[in-house]
Amino acid sequence: MDLMLLQRKGLSQRQIAKKLGVSRNTVKKYIESHGYPEERKYQQRKSLLDPFNGSIAFWLNEDLEYTATWIYDRLCNMGFTGSYEIVKRKVHKIKAKKQRIAYMRFETEPGFHAQVDFGAFQVENADGSIWTLYLFSMILGYSRKIYGELIDRCDLPSFLDCHIYAFEYFGGVPDEILYDRMKNVYIGKVAGKKKFNSTLLGFALHYGFKPEVAPAYAAWVKGKVERPYNFIREGFWRGYGFICRATANRDLIRWLQKKDERVHGTTHEVVSLRFTRERPHLNVLLPTAFDTSYRVYRNVYKDCTVRFECNLTIAST
């Protein structure tokens, strides 16, 4: 029942409070404000982190990859006495805001850009055991043409071999390839610069492309390859009658070639037609393939022994 209506009927504040089951002070407040009491104003609590907000913003503007732990350690050296959780929440909030601001679809010129990704696919064997396969996928940024291959291992030699097969499939090499922060590619930052796996750098130099790594906390940057990954899982893999890996790879390539004749939802053009325009812009594929065999570098000691995986081997002289 409306409080002001009861007041107009002549009921006292005590009677209204009893009838509505509220306090007299509440009734008085509503009557004095004509039914629209002022909202309570809450004073924002001061945080121990307030004096350091400028430093946090400066660091994250300089490099969004700085972690909350890294920032917390430096704030403590500057006299911060609060908890790590406060810093963690602040850093997460700033990064999330920057990611929303930075989001923008980017399109590239023909032959310039490609993206690479790995994903796990599972097969249940007759005995109930699970066999895990890994999908290597490379997509050209301009045409959206995809190469995909299922492999047994995601080690570096297999990873590089897949690149070679993708280049042969496309008939050329893009200027730049973008990767996740996978261990086969990215080691980390050294002296403020990105450090890549040395074998991958040699491979990139051989084929003439530039490796790049996606920024941290920015999954949308690699959307071109991550969406097709789901596209393959849902369109090809789900319900597929797996026989063997070789057969699956042949079927996958045929399926991808068939899908090249569709109109892409983003470019609004047929994939194969855009690839026809992109193909001449790819760099020439060298006739000599890069040696992708597994390499291990070990020191040879003065007594001609080599330590490899905890075993001692006599070195040849």
Foldseek 3Di string as FASTA:
>chain_A
DDLVVVVVVPDDLVRSCVVVVHDSVVSVQCVVVVNDHDDDDDDDDDDLCVVVPVVLVVVCVVPVPDALVNVVVVVVVVPRDDDSVVSNVVSVVVSVVVLVVPDDDDADDFQAEKEWDKDWDWDQDPVRDIQIWMKIKMAGRFLRQMAIAIHRDPDLLVNLVSVVVVCVVLQFAGQEYEYECDQSFWDQDDPNHTDTDPVVVVQCVVRNHYYHYDGPPHVVVRVSPVVVVVVCCVVPVVVDDDDDRVVSNVVSVVVSVVQQQDQDPPVRHRSVVRSVVRSVNGHHGDPDHDPSDDDDDFDQDPQQWTADPNDIDRHDD
